[in-house]
Amino acid sequence: MVAALKPVDFVVIFSEPTPLKVIRAVRPDLLAKGGDWKADRIVGAEFVKSYGGRVAVIPYVAGHSTTRLIERGKRR
């Protein structure tokens, strides 16, 4: 679903404990995390900022989560 969004170039699935290796390879213009993350705890944030990229914390909306979206998609 995320890959279908017009502003999304591509989606990467990774098996490492953190996405740092992928972030370093992709060098995203924007690194976005959900509102349950503190800005100083976002893996790869300093790297992204080092080349002028942006890091955004997307506000958490109660009752909405990617986990819930995935579960709904599996039931269809």
N, C-alpha and C. Protein backbone atom coordinates (compact mmCIF):
# COMPACT_ATOMS: atom_id res chain seq x y z
N MET A 1 0.82 -1.18 0.00
CA MET A 1 0.00 0.00 0.00
C MET A 1 0.87 1.25 0.00
N VAL A 2 1.92 1.23 0.78
CA VAL A 2 2.81 2.39 0.85
C VAL A 2 3.47 2.61 -0.50
N ALA A 3 3.91 1.55 -1.14
CA ALA A 3 4.58 1.67 -2.44
C ALA A 3 3.68 2.28 -3.51
N ALA A 4 2.38 2.18 -3.35
CA ALA A 4 1.45 2.73 -4.33
C ALA A 4 1.27 4.24 -4.21
N LEU A 5 1.76 4.83 -3.13
CA LEU A 5 1.64 6.27 -2.94
C LEU A 5 2.55 7.02 -3.91
N LYS A 6 2.03 8.03 -4.55
CA LYS A 6 2.77 8.77 -5.58
C LYS A 6 4.12 9.31 -5.09
N PRO A 7 4.22 9.88 -3.88
CA PRO A 7 5.51 10.43 -3.47
C PRO A 7 6.54 9.37 -3.04
N VAL A 8 6.16 8.10 -3.00
CA VAL A 8 7.06 7.03 -2.55
C VAL A 8 7.81 6.46 -3.75
N ASP A 9 9.15 6.54 -3.70
CA ASP A 9 9.97 6.00 -4.79
C ASP A 9 10.05 4.48 -4.72
N PHE A 10 10.31 3.94 -3.54
CA PHE A 10 10.31 2.49 -3.36
C PHE A 10 10.25 2.14 -1.89
N VAL A 11 9.90 0.90 -1.61
CA VAL A 11 9.78 0.38 -0.26
C VAL A 11 10.78 -0.76 -0.11
N VAL A 12 11.47 -0.79 1.02
CA VAL A 12 12.48 -1.82 1.26
C VAL A 12 12.10 -2.62 2.50
N ILE A 13 12.12 -3.92 2.38
CA ILE A 13 11.92 -4.81 3.52
C ILE A 13 13.30 -5.29 3.94
N PHE A 14 13.59 -5.25 5.23
CA PHE A 14 14.92 -5.65 5.71
C PHE A 14 14.77 -6.61 6.88
N SER A 15 15.81 -7.42 7.08
CA SER A 15 15.76 -8.41 8.16
C SER A 15 16.71 -8.10 9.31
N GLU A 16 17.52 -7.05 9.17
CA GLU A 16 18.43 -6.67 10.24
C GLU A 16 17.65 -6.08 11.41
N PRO A 17 18.26 -6.02 12.59
CA PRO A 17 17.56 -5.46 13.75
C PRO A 17 17.20 -3.97 13.60
N THR A 18 17.99 -3.24 12.82
CA THR A 18 17.69 -1.82 12.57
C THR A 18 17.83 -1.56 11.06
N PRO A 19 17.25 -0.46 10.57
CA PRO A 19 17.34 -0.16 9.14
C PRO A 19 18.58 0.63 8.73
N LEU A 20 19.57 0.74 9.60
CA LEU A 20 20.73 1.60 9.31
C LEU A 20 21.44 1.23 8.01
N LYS A 21 21.64 -0.04 7.78
CA LYS A 21 22.32 -0.49 6.55
C LYS A 21 21.54 -0.05 5.30
N VAL A 22 20.24 -0.19 5.35
CA VAL A 22 19.38 0.21 4.23
C VAL A 22 19.41 1.73 4.06
N ILE A 23 19.31 2.45 5.16
CA ILE A 23 19.33 3.91 5.11
C ILE A 23 20.63 4.41 4.48
N ARG A 24 21.75 3.82 4.85
CA ARG A 24 23.04 4.22 4.29
C ARG A 24 23.10 3.91 2.78
N ALA A 25 22.51 2.82 2.36
CA ALA A 25 22.53 2.44 0.94
C ALA A 25 21.59 3.31 0.11
N VAL A 26 20.42 3.61 0.65
CA VAL A 26 19.40 4.34 -0.08
C VAL A 26 19.62 5.86 -0.05
N ARG A 27 20.13 6.37 1.07
CA ARG A 27 20.33 7.81 1.27
C ARG A 27 19.04 8.59 0.99
N PRO A 28 18.01 8.34 1.79
CA PRO A 28 16.73 8.99 1.53
C PRO A 28 16.77 10.50 1.74
N ASP A 29 15.94 11.21 0.98
CA ASP A 29 15.78 12.66 1.18
C ASP A 29 15.02 12.91 2.48
N LEU A 30 14.11 11.99 2.80
CA LEU A 30 13.27 12.12 3.98
C LEU A 30 13.23 10.78 4.72
N LEU A 31 13.53 10.82 6.01
CA LEU A 31 13.40 9.65 6.88
C LEU A 31 12.26 9.96 7.83
N ALA A 32 11.18 9.20 7.74
CA ALA A 32 10.00 9.46 8.56
C ALA A 32 9.73 8.30 9.50
N LYS A 33 9.38 8.63 10.73
CA LYS A 33 9.03 7.62 11.73
C LYS A 33 7.74 8.06 12.41
N GLY A 34 7.07 7.10 13.01
CA GLY A 34 5.81 7.38 13.70
C GLY A 34 6.02 8.16 14.98
N GLY A 35 4.96 8.80 15.43
CA GLY A 35 4.99 9.67 16.59
C GLY A 35 5.36 9.00 17.90
N ASP A 36 5.40 7.67 17.91
CA ASP A 36 5.82 6.97 19.13
C ASP A 36 7.34 6.93 19.27
N TRP A 37 8.05 7.51 18.31
CA TRP A 37 9.52 7.57 18.34
C TRP A 37 9.97 8.96 18.77
N LYS A 38 10.96 9.03 19.63
CA LYS A 38 11.61 10.28 19.99
C LYS A 38 12.66 10.57 18.93
N ALA A 39 12.76 11.82 18.51
CA ALA A 39 13.68 12.21 17.43
C ALA A 39 15.11 11.75 17.69
N ASP A 40 15.56 11.81 18.93
CA ASP A 40 16.95 11.43 19.24
C ASP A 40 17.17 9.92 19.27
N ARG A 41 16.11 9.13 19.07
CA ARG A 41 16.22 7.66 19.09
C ARG A 41 16.04 7.05 17.70
N ILE A 42 15.87 7.88 16.67
CA ILE A 42 15.62 7.38 15.32
C ILE A 42 16.94 6.94 14.69
N VAL A 43 17.04 5.66 14.41
CA VAL A 43 18.23 5.09 13.79
C VAL A 43 18.43 5.70 12.41
N GLY A 44 19.63 6.19 12.15
CA GLY A 44 19.97 6.76 10.85
C GLY A 44 19.70 8.24 10.73
N ALA A 45 19.09 8.85 11.73
CA ALA A 45 18.73 10.27 11.66
C ALA A 45 19.97 11.15 11.45
N GLU A 46 21.00 10.92 12.21
CA GLU A 46 22.20 11.75 12.09
C GLU A 46 22.83 11.59 10.71
N PHE A 47 22.83 10.37 10.19
CA PHE A 47 23.38 10.13 8.86
C PHE A 47 22.59 10.91 7.81
N VAL A 48 21.27 10.82 7.86
CA VAL A 48 20.42 11.51 6.89
C VAL A 48 20.64 13.02 6.97
N LYS A 49 20.70 13.55 8.16
CA LYS A 49 20.92 14.99 8.34
C LYS A 49 22.30 15.41 7.83
N SER A 50 23.28 14.50 7.89
CA SER A 50 24.66 14.84 7.51
C SER A 50 24.80 15.25 6.05
N TYR A 51 23.92 14.80 5.18
CA TYR A 51 24.00 15.17 3.77
C TYR A 51 22.82 16.07 3.36
N GLY A 52 22.14 16.64 4.34
CA GLY A 52 21.07 17.58 4.04
C GLY A 52 19.69 16.99 3.97
N GLY A 53 19.55 15.69 4.28
CA GLY A 53 18.23 15.06 4.30
C GLY A 53 17.44 15.52 5.51
N ARG A 54 16.14 15.24 5.48
CA ARG A 54 15.25 15.63 6.58
C ARG A 54 14.78 14.41 7.35
N VAL A 55 14.56 14.61 8.64
CA VAL A 55 14.00 13.57 9.50
C VAL A 55 12.70 14.12 10.06
N ALA A 56 11.62 13.35 9.92
CA ALA A 56 10.31 13.80 10.39
C ALA A 56 9.69 12.76 11.30
N VAL A 57 9.09 13.24 12.37
CA VAL A 57 8.31 12.38 13.26
C VAL A 57 6.85 12.69 12.94
N ILE A 58 6.15 11.68 12.43
CA ILE A 58 4.75 11.84 12.04
C ILE A 58 3.88 11.67 13.29
N PRO A 59 3.03 12.63 13.57
CA PRO A 59 2.21 12.55 14.78
C PRO A 59 1.41 11.25 14.87
N TYR A 60 1.37 10.70 16.06
CA TYR A 60 0.61 9.49 16.33
C TYR A 60 -0.87 9.83 16.38
N VAL A 61 -1.69 9.01 15.75
CA VAL A 61 -3.14 9.19 15.77
C VAL A 61 -3.74 7.96 16.48
N ALA A 62 -4.33 8.20 17.62
CA ALA A 62 -4.90 7.11 18.41
C ALA A 62 -5.86 6.27 17.57
N GLY A 63 -5.71 4.96 17.68
CA GLY A 63 -6.59 4.04 16.96
C GLY A 63 -6.14 3.70 15.56
N HIS A 64 -5.05 4.30 15.09
CA HIS A 64 -4.54 4.03 13.75
C HIS A 64 -3.09 3.56 13.87
N SER A 65 -2.78 2.47 13.20
CA SER A 65 -1.42 1.98 13.22
C SER A 65 -1.15 1.13 11.98
N THR A 66 0.11 1.03 11.60
CA THR A 66 0.45 0.19 10.45
C THR A 66 0.16 -1.27 10.76
N THR A 67 0.35 -1.67 12.00
CA THR A 67 0.06 -3.05 12.38
C THR A 67 -1.41 -3.36 12.12
N ARG A 68 -2.28 -2.45 12.48
CA ARG A 68 -3.72 -2.65 12.24
C ARG A 68 -4.04 -2.70 10.75
N LEU A 69 -3.40 -1.84 9.98
CA LEU A 69 -3.62 -1.85 8.52
C LEU A 69 -3.19 -3.19 7.93
N ILE A 70 -2.05 -3.70 8.35
CA ILE A 70 -1.56 -4.98 7.85
C ILE A 70 -2.53 -6.10 8.20
N GLU A 71 -3.00 -6.11 9.43
CA GLU A 71 -3.95 -7.14 9.85
C GLU A 71 -5.23 -7.07 9.04
N ARG A 72 -5.73 -5.87 8.79
CA ARG A 72 -6.95 -5.72 7.98
C ARG A 72 -6.70 -6.22 6.56
N GLY A 73 -5.54 -5.94 6.01
CA GLY A 73 -5.21 -6.39 4.67
C GLY A 73 -5.14 -7.91 4.58
N LYS A 74 -4.65 -8.56 5.60
CA LYS A 74 -4.55 -10.02 5.61
C LYS A 74 -5.93 -10.68 5.62
N ARG A 75 -6.90 -10.01 6.25
CA ARG A 75 -8.25 -10.59 6.34
C ARG A 75 -9.01 -10.48 5.04
N ARG A 76 -8.58 -9.65 4.13
CA ARG A 76 -9.32 -9.44 2.87
C ARG A 76 -8.99 -10.46 1.84
